[in-house]
Each structure stands twice: as C-alpha cells, then as structure tokens.
PDB file of N, CA and C in Angstrom:
ATOM      1  N   MET A   1     -29.835 -19.992  43.785  1.00  0.00           N
ATOM      2  CA  MET A   1     -29.366 -18.969  44.694  1.00  0.00           C
ATOM      3  C   MET A   1     -27.907 -18.673  44.369  1.00  0.00           C
ATOM      4  N   PHE A   2     -27.572 -17.406  44.346  1.00  0.00           N
ATOM      5  CA  PHE A   2     -26.219 -16.962  44.035  1.00  0.00           C
ATOM      6  C   PHE A   2     -25.845 -15.876  45.032  1.00  0.00           C
ATOM      7  N   THR A   3     -24.587 -15.769  45.381  1.00  0.00           N
ATOM      8  CA  THR A   3     -24.139 -14.727  46.299  1.00  0.00           C
ATOM      9  C   THR A   3     -23.006 -13.926  45.682  1.00  0.00           C
ATOM     10  N   SER A   4     -22.867 -12.696  46.147  1.00  0.00           N
ATOM     11  CA  SER A   4     -21.713 -11.866  45.796  1.00  0.00           C
ATOM     12  C   SER A   4     -21.417 -10.962  46.983  1.00  0.00           C
ATOM     13  N   LEU A   5     -20.263 -10.348  46.950  1.00  0.00           N
ATOM     14  CA  LEU A   5     -19.936  -9.425  48.030  1.00  0.00           C
ATOM     15  C   LEU A   5     -20.919  -8.266  48.043  1.00  0.00           C
ATOM     16  N   ALA A   6     -21.408  -7.921  49.220  1.00  0.00           N
ATOM     17  CA  ALA A   6     -22.350  -6.810  49.365  1.00  0.00           C
ATOM     18  C   ALA A   6     -21.619  -5.496  49.113  1.00  0.00           C
ATOM     19  N   LYS A   7     -22.213  -4.637  48.297  1.00  0.00           N
ATOM     20  CA  LYS A   7     -21.568  -3.373  47.933  1.00  0.00           C
ATOM     21  C   LYS A   7     -22.168  -2.168  48.634  1.00  0.00           C
ATOM     22  N   ASN A   8     -23.465  -2.123  48.781  1.00  0.00           N
ATOM     23  CA  ASN A   8     -24.140  -0.930  49.289  1.00  0.00           C
ATOM     24  C   ASN A   8     -24.664  -1.138  50.704  1.00  0.00           C
ATOM     25  N   ILE A   9     -23.735  -1.224  51.645  1.00  0.00           N
ATOM     26  CA  ILE A   9     -24.117  -1.398  53.045  1.00  0.00           C
ATOM     27  C   ILE A   9     -24.260  -0.016  53.675  1.00  0.00           C
ATOM     28  N   ASP A  10     -25.388   0.195  54.350  1.00  0.00           N
ATOM     29  CA  ASP A  10     -25.598   1.510  54.964  1.00  0.00           C
ATOM     30  C   ASP A  10     -24.594   1.721  56.099  1.00  0.00           C
ATOM     31  N   THR A  11     -24.375   2.986  56.441  1.00  0.00           N
ATOM     32  CA  THR A  11     -23.350   3.375  57.414  1.00  0.00           C
ATOM     33  C   THR A  11     -23.571   2.716  58.768  1.00  0.00           C
ATOM     34  N   LYS A  12     -24.803   2.659  59.227  1.00  0.00           N
ATOM     35  CA  LYS A  12     -25.100   2.058  60.533  1.00  0.00           C
ATOM     36  C   LYS A  12     -24.701   0.579  60.546  1.00  0.00           C
ATOM     37  N   THR A  13     -25.087  -0.150  59.515  1.00  0.00           N
ATOM     38  CA  THR A  13     -24.748  -1.575  59.439  1.00  0.00           C
ATOM     39  C   THR A  13     -23.243  -1.764  59.323  1.00  0.00           C
ATOM     40  N   LEU A  14     -22.579  -0.923  58.545  1.00  0.00           N
ATOM     41  CA  LEU A  14     -21.132  -1.010  58.392  1.00  0.00           C
ATOM     42  C   LEU A  14     -20.434  -0.773  59.729  1.00  0.00           C
ATOM     43  N   ASP A  15     -20.901   0.214  60.472  1.00  0.00           N
ATOM     44  CA  ASP A  15     -20.334   0.481  61.800  1.00  0.00           C
ATOM     45  C   ASP A  15     -20.531  -0.722  62.724  1.00  0.00           C
ATOM     46  N   GLU A  16     -21.710  -1.349  62.649  1.00  0.00           N
ATOM     47  CA  GLU A  16     -21.984  -2.525  63.476  1.00  0.00           C
ATOM     48  C   GLU A  16     -21.086  -3.698  63.086  1.00  0.00           C
ATOM     49  N   ILE A  17     -20.815  -3.840  61.789  1.00  0.00           N
ATOM     50  CA  ILE A  17     -19.902  -4.898  61.330  1.00  0.00           C
ATOM     51  C   ILE A  17     -18.498  -4.646  61.864  1.00  0.00           C
ATOM     52  N   HIS A  18     -18.040  -3.396  61.794  1.00  0.00           N
ATOM     53  CA  HIS A  18     -16.710  -3.051  62.311  1.00  0.00           C
ATOM     54  C   HIS A  18     -16.618  -3.335  63.812  1.00  0.00           C
ATOM     55  N   THR A  19     -17.669  -3.016  64.542  1.00  0.00           N
ATOM     56  CA  THR A  19     -17.696  -3.297  65.974  1.00  0.00           C
ATOM     57  C   THR A  19     -17.585  -4.796  66.219  1.00  0.00           C
ATOM     58  N   LEU A  20     -18.344  -5.584  65.469  1.00  0.00           N
ATOM     59  CA  LEU A  20     -18.298  -7.037  65.607  1.00  0.00           C
ATOM     60  C   LEU A  20     -16.917  -7.584  65.250  1.00  0.00           C
ATOM     61  N   GLU A  21     -16.300  -7.039  64.189  1.00  0.00           N
ATOM     62  CA  GLU A  21     -14.946  -7.451  63.822  1.00  0.00           C
ATOM     63  C   GLU A  21     -13.982  -7.223  64.980  1.00  0.00           C
ATOM     64  N   ASN A  22     -14.085  -6.052  65.611  1.00  0.00           N
ATOM     65  CA  ASN A  22     -13.216  -5.737  66.744  1.00  0.00           C
ATOM     66  C   ASN A  22     -13.466  -6.682  67.919  1.00  0.00           C
ATOM     67  N   GLU A  23     -14.727  -7.020  68.144  1.00  0.00           N
ATOM     68  CA  GLU A  23     -15.077  -7.910  69.251  1.00  0.00           C
ATOM     69  C   GLU A  23     -14.546  -9.325  69.038  1.00  0.00           C
ATOM     70  N   ILE A  24     -14.621  -9.830  67.812  1.00  0.00           N
ATOM     71  CA  ILE A  24     -14.194 -11.212  67.567  1.00  0.00           C
ATOM     72  C   ILE A  24     -12.742 -11.312  67.109  1.00  0.00           C
ATOM     73  N   GLY A  25     -12.150 -10.189  66.716  1.00  0.00           N
ATOM     74  CA  GLY A  25     -10.733 -10.169  66.380  1.00  0.00           C
ATOM     75  C   GLY A  25     -10.369 -10.645  64.989  1.00  0.00           C
ATOM     76  N   CYS A  26     -11.321 -10.586  64.054  1.00  0.00           N
ATOM     77  CA  CYS A  26     -10.961 -10.938  62.675  1.00  0.00           C
ATOM     78  C   CYS A  26     -11.914 -10.244  61.697  1.00  0.00           C
ATOM     79  N   PRO A  27     -11.449 -10.039  60.449  1.00  0.00           N
ATOM     80  CA  PRO A  27     -12.277  -9.376  59.445  1.00  0.00           C
ATOM     81  C   PRO A  27     -13.487 -10.231  59.052  1.00  0.00           C
ATOM     82  N   LEU A  28     -14.545  -9.565  58.639  1.00  0.00           N
ATOM     83  CA  LEU A  28     -15.758 -10.226  58.154  1.00  0.00           C
ATOM     84  C   LEU A  28     -16.051  -9.779  56.725  1.00  0.00           C
ATOM     85  N   LEU A  29     -16.550 -10.678  55.905  1.00  0.00           N
ATOM     86  CA  LEU A  29     -17.009 -10.351  54.559  1.00  0.00           C
ATOM     87  C   LEU A  29     -18.528 -10.391  54.562  1.00  0.00           C
ATOM     88  N   ALA A  30     -19.167  -9.419  53.916  1.00  0.00           N
ATOM     89  CA  ALA A  30     -20.625  -9.366  53.821  1.00  0.00           C
ATOM     90  C   ALA A  30     -21.053  -9.785  52.421  1.00  0.00           C
ATOM     91  N   PHE A  31     -22.043 -10.667  52.342  1.00  0.00           N
ATOM     92  CA  PHE A  31     -22.535 -11.177  51.069  1.00  0.00           C
ATOM     93  C   PHE A  31     -24.002 -10.814  50.859  1.00  0.00           C
ATOM     94  N   THR A  32     -24.374 -10.654  49.601  1.00  0.00           N
ATOM     95  CA  THR A  32     -25.758 -10.423  49.196  1.00  0.00           C
ATOM     96  C   THR A  32     -26.219 -11.665  48.435  1.00  0.00           C
ATOM     97  N   PHE A  33     -27.492 -12.015  48.586  1.00  0.00           N
ATOM     98  CA  PHE A  33     -28.042 -13.206  47.935  1.00  0.00           C
ATOM     99  C   PHE A  33     -28.970 -12.808  46.795  1.00  0.00           C
ATOM    100  N   TYR A  34     -28.900 -13.573  45.700  1.00  0.00           N
ATOM    101  CA  TYR A  34     -29.748 -13.354  44.536  1.00  0.00           C
ATOM    102  C   TYR A  34     -30.498 -14.645  44.222  1.00  0.00           C
ATOM    103  N   ASP A  35     -31.785 -14.533  43.992  1.00  0.00           N
ATOM    104  CA  ASP A  35     -32.604 -15.694  43.660  1.00  0.00           C
ATOM    105  C   ASP A  35     -32.684 -15.800  42.135  1.00  0.00           C
ATOM    106  N   VAL A  36     -31.790 -16.587  41.541  1.00  0.00           N
ATOM    107  CA  VAL A  36     -31.712 -16.736  40.088  1.00  0.00           C
ATOM    108  C   VAL A  36     -31.537 -18.208  39.732  1.00  0.00           C
ATOM    109  N   GLU A  37     -31.815 -18.530  38.486  1.00  0.00           N
ATOM    110  CA  GLU A  37     -31.600 -19.863  37.935  1.00  0.00           C
ATOM    111  C   GLU A  37     -30.599 -19.748  36.784  1.00  0.00           C
ATOM    112  N   PRO A  38     -29.780 -20.778  36.556  1.00  0.00           N
ATOM    113  CA  PRO A  38     -28.882 -20.729  35.399  1.00  0.00           C
ATOM    114  C   PRO A  38     -29.676 -20.611  34.097  1.00  0.00           C
ATOM    115  N   ALA A  39     -29.195 -19.790  33.185  1.00  0.00           N
ATOM    116  CA  ALA A  39     -29.848 -19.625  31.889  1.00  0.00           C
ATOM    117  C   ALA A  39     -29.508 -20.829  31.004  1.00  0.00           C
ATOM    118  N   PRO A  40     -30.471 -21.313  30.252  1.00  0.00           N
ATOM    119  CA  PRO A  40     -30.190 -22.422  29.330  1.00  0.00           C
ATOM    120  C   PRO A  40     -29.444 -21.891  28.100  1.00  0.00           C
ATOM    121  N   LEU A  41     -28.169 -22.234  27.983  1.00  0.00           N
ATOM    122  CA  LEU A  41     -27.347 -21.743  26.875  1.00  0.00           C
ATOM    123  C   LEU A  41     -26.845 -22.912  26.030  1.00  0.00           C
ATOM    124  N   ASP A  42     -26.669 -22.659  24.750  1.00  0.00           N
ATOM    125  CA  ASP A  42     -26.091 -23.676  23.879  1.00  0.00           C
ATOM    126  C   ASP A  42     -24.564 -23.672  24.021  1.00  0.00           C
ATOM    127  N   GLU A  43     -23.926 -24.681  23.468  1.00  0.00           N
ATOM    128  CA  GLU A  43     -22.468 -24.829  23.580  1.00  0.00           C
ATOM    129  C   GLU A  43     -21.716 -23.627  23.016  1.00  0.00           C
ATOM    130  N   LYS A  44     -22.209 -23.059  21.925  1.00  0.00           N
ATOM    131  CA  LYS A  44     -21.542 -21.911  21.298  1.00  0.00           C
ATOM    132  C   LYS A  44     -21.537 -20.718  22.250  1.00  0.00           C
ATOM    133  N   SER A  45     -22.649 -20.467  22.902  1.00  0.00           N
ATOM    134  CA  SER A  45     -22.732 -19.355  23.858  1.00  0.00           C
ATOM    135  C   SER A  45     -21.839 -19.598  25.069  1.00  0.00           C
ATOM    136  N   LEU A  46     -21.841 -20.819  25.575  1.00  0.00           N
ATOM    137  CA  LEU A  46     -20.980 -21.149  26.715  1.00  0.00           C
ATOM    138  C   LEU A  46     -19.508 -20.955  26.366  1.00  0.00           C
ATOM    139  N   GLU A  47     -19.125 -21.353  25.159  1.00  0.00           N
ATOM    140  CA  GLU A  47     -17.740 -21.187  24.721  1.00  0.00           C
ATOM    141  C   GLU A  47     -17.361 -19.707  24.621  1.00  0.00           C
ATOM    142  N   LYS A  48     -18.280 -18.865  24.151  1.00  0.00           N
ATOM    143  CA  LYS A  48     -18.022 -17.419  24.085  1.00  0.00           C
ATOM    144  C   LYS A  48     -17.774 -16.858  25.476  1.00  0.00           C
ATOM    145  N   ILE A  49     -18.577 -17.294  26.439  1.00  0.00           N
ATOM    146  CA  ILE A  49     -18.407 -16.825  27.820  1.00  0.00           C
ATOM    147  C   ILE A  49     -17.050 -17.280  28.364  1.00  0.00           C
ATOM    148  N   LYS A  50     -16.692 -18.541  28.134  1.00  0.00           N
ATOM    149  CA  LYS A  50     -15.406 -19.056  28.607  1.00  0.00           C
ATOM    150  C   LYS A  50     -14.241 -18.274  28.025  1.00  0.00           C
ATOM    151  N   ARG A  51     -14.290 -17.982  26.735  1.00  0.00           N
ATOM    152  CA  ARG A  51     -13.215 -17.206  26.093  1.00  0.00           C
ATOM    153  C   ARG A  51     -13.127 -15.804  26.681  1.00  0.00           C
ATOM    154  N   PHE A  52     -14.274 -15.192  26.978  1.00  0.00           N
ATOM    155  CA  PHE A  52     -14.279 -13.852  27.549  1.00  0.00           C
ATOM    156  C   PHE A  52     -13.648 -13.852  28.943  1.00  0.00           C
ATOM    157  N   GLU A  53     -13.926 -14.883  29.747  1.00  0.00           N
ATOM    158  CA  GLU A  53     -13.418 -14.954  31.119  1.00  0.00           C
ATOM    159  C   GLU A  53     -11.901 -15.132  31.174  1.00  0.00           C
ATOM    160  N   GLU A  54     -11.351 -15.824  30.185  1.00  0.00           N
ATOM    161  CA  GLU A  54      -9.922 -16.154  30.196  1.00  0.00           C
ATOM    162  C   GLU A  54      -9.056 -14.913  30.340  1.00  0.00           C
ATOM    163  N   GLY A  55      -8.148 -14.960  31.301  1.00  0.00           N
ATOM    164  CA  GLY A  55      -7.200 -13.878  31.515  1.00  0.00           C
ATOM    165  C   GLY A  55      -7.766 -12.653  32.208  1.00  0.00           C
ATOM    166  N   ARG A  56      -9.029 -12.670  32.568  1.00  0.00           N
ATOM    167  CA  ARG A  56      -9.635 -11.506  33.212  1.00  0.00           C
ATOM    168  C   ARG A  56      -9.856 -11.700  34.711  1.00  0.00           C
ATOM    169  N   CYS A  57      -9.622 -12.900  35.218  1.00  0.00           N
ATOM    170  CA  CYS A  57      -9.842 -13.210  36.638  1.00  0.00           C
ATOM    171  C   CYS A  57     -11.266 -12.882  37.077  1.00  0.00           C
ATOM    172  N   ILE A  58     -12.239 -13.205  36.236  1.00  0.00           N
ATOM    173  CA  ILE A  58     -13.645 -13.023  36.577  1.00  0.00           C
ATOM    174  C   ILE A  58     -14.394 -14.295  36.199  1.00  0.00           C
ATOM    175  N   CYS A  59     -15.554 -14.440  36.788  1.00  0.00           N
ATOM    176  CA  CYS A  59     -16.439 -15.550  36.457  1.00  0.00           C
ATOM    177  C   CYS A  59     -17.795 -14.963  36.081  1.00  0.00           C
ATOM    178  N   LEU A  60     -18.254 -15.243  34.871  1.00  0.00           N
ATOM    179  CA  LEU A  60     -19.556 -14.763  34.425  1.00  0.00           C
ATOM    180  C   LEU A  60     -20.584 -15.860  34.621  1.00  0.00           C
ATOM    181  N   LEU A  61     -21.782 -15.493  35.038  1.00  0.00           N
ATOM    182  CA  LEU A  61     -22.847 -16.450  35.271  1.00  0.00           C
ATOM    183  C   LEU A  61     -24.082 -15.975  34.526  1.00  0.00           C
ATOM    184  N   ALA A  62     -24.489 -16.718  33.501  1.00  0.00           N
ATOM    185  CA  ALA A  62     -25.704 -16.389  32.745  1.00  0.00           C
ATOM    186  C   ALA A  62     -26.897 -16.891  33.549  1.00  0.00           C
ATOM    187  N   VAL A  63     -27.847 -16.001  33.835  1.00  0.00           N
ATOM    188  CA  VAL A  63     -28.963 -16.361  34.709  1.00  0.00           C
ATOM    189  C   VAL A  63     -30.308 -15.996  34.105  1.00  0.00           C
ATOM    190  N   THR A  64     -31.319 -16.652  34.610  1.00  0.00           N
ATOM    191  CA  THR A  64     -32.701 -16.328  34.314  1.00  0.00           C
ATOM    192  C   THR A  64     -33.320 -15.860  35.632  1.00  0.00           C
ATOM    193  N   PRO A  65     -33.612 -14.563  35.775  1.00  0.00           N
ATOM    194  CA  PRO A  65     -34.170 -14.078  37.044  1.00  0.00           C
ATOM    195  C   PRO A  65     -35.510 -14.734  37.345  1.00  0.00           C
ATOM    196  N   ARG A  66     -35.782 -14.938  38.604  1.00  0.00           N
ATOM    197  CA  ARG A  66     -37.051 -15.511  39.027  1.00  0.00           C
ATOM    198  C   ARG A  66     -38.078 -14.434  39.207  1.00  0.00           C
TER     199      ARG A  66
END
C-alpha cells in the first residue's frame, strides 16, 4: 500500500474539507491510496534511481501493480 497527496478532488468534497478545516481550526491534507508492491530490482537499477533522485527533492518508488 502506498499513499500520495490527492490531486483530483471533486468540488463538493473540497468544499466539505474546507468546512471541516474551519470547524476544527487547522488545515487538512487529503491522501489517495494505491495497492502496489515494490518491484524486484537489481542493484544497478536501484543505483540509477538513487542517482536520479539526488538533488531533485523527490522520491521514486518502483512498483509492480496488483
């Protein structure tokens, strides 16, 4: 299982989130869940991914979809 920030929230749900934020007095983050497994990679592939991530402030995750 993997999560990321939800991007495509419909207007009604977004309005409801804003209402809830106002009621509780703090911002909320919305996440989406993905059902994936880590991909089996060799050391060379893992090293390529690590080099790509460096200096970009991102994290790449190689997955095998279920």
